[in-house]
Amino acid sequence: MPAVKAANPREVFASDDWRTITTLSLWRGIWLIIHAWIIVALAAFGGAAAWNYHWLAGILVTPLALAVLGGRQLGLSILMHDGAHGLLHPNRKTNNWLGQWPSGAATGSDLFAYRTYHLTHHKFTQQPEDPDLSLSAPFPTSRDSLRRKFTRDLTGQTFFKQRRAQFAAALRGVAAILTGENGAGKADTLAGRAFNMQNRAGVGVPIANVEGAKTTARTVGRFLIVQAILLAISLTIWGWTPFLLWLAALATTFQLFLRIRNIAEHACTPTGSGDPFTHARTTYAGAVARMTVAPYWVNYHSEHHLFMGVPCYKLRDTHRLLGNGGYYPRMTISPNYRDVLRQAVNRPRATQPA
């Protein structure tokens, strides 16, 4: 299939506006990563303090702590995504380091493998070649199916299957590295990418070649290094509880929020058409959504697909400019994530009266 049609910013924005929304800050990307880790620390140690105060307080506070932690873990993945587009920092080396280590490695992603895979998604959005097509193709689905997906996420089943597949590929990569085995071609772009293939078929997609397995091994190595650092900080300052809360969120709420974000971006939209304004959905997000499923302006996904050179912290301004230009009617916009989930569920047809 041909690549999807791109929007021409010269036809949409005044030159000054375009320059403003595409100018990268020297410090905003760095600050957003620091902000994410500050929230992680407050949630993890706050949850630990609740358990230390009283076991009942711990039980009551833990769901909130897991929700906040899962939201910031998603936030770190979103910032890694910005790094994949070269939008975290104007210096390329700094950008790549920020996307690879303090953001991507925390949740087990590889910036470079993700970049290749993700740009293919942008090029062929909702076409058969789109590697993310399986995230939106099953929708709308039944209410029971969606409930089962959410249950697998919140009980850690999705996390376990993903990590099992990733660690198996990593062991294959370690063996290849130790024996000096070389593979043909470039690393598989599935290697080390963000964990957004949550359907049963996607979770088990194999790494196709030796170089991909090596990339996965290095990705897992970085992931384990970050987890070891977090554990050391946790044990030094407080004990096991903050780290266990972080790990529990990674296995549960992070998976749920990631799925909801994936559904919101492309499911049940008229994407794949010749109009670039239909290639993704923008969803308005309140305070709770921004803390959980929509960190760092990821809810402005239509704007991101229209103009990939806009950093996440300028997407809200981009949305406003599009509104001023009268483009909202061409876009797919949902008032909230509840509305998105309603669209994602098949509703039984009303019976006609006899």
Foldseek 3Di string as FASTA:
>chain_A
DAWADAADVVVQDDPVLVCVQLDADAPPLVVLLVVLVVQLVCLLVVLVVLCVVDVVSNVVSLVVSLQLLLQSLVVLLVSLVCLLLVRSHVDNVVSLCSSAASRQLQLLAHSVLQSVLVVQCLGQPCHPSNPLVVLAVCFLAAPVVVVVLQVCQAVLVQVVLLVVQLVVLLVLQVVCVVVVPDKPDAWNSVARHHPLQRDPVSSNDHRDINNSSVSSNVSVVSNVVVLVVVCVVCPVPPRRRSSVSSVSSSRHQNSNLSSLLSLQWAHPWPASDNDLQGSTEAEDEDPSCCSGNQPLQSSLNSQCSNPVSGRSVSSVVVVVSCVVSVNVVVHHYHHHSVVSSVRSHDDDDDDDDD
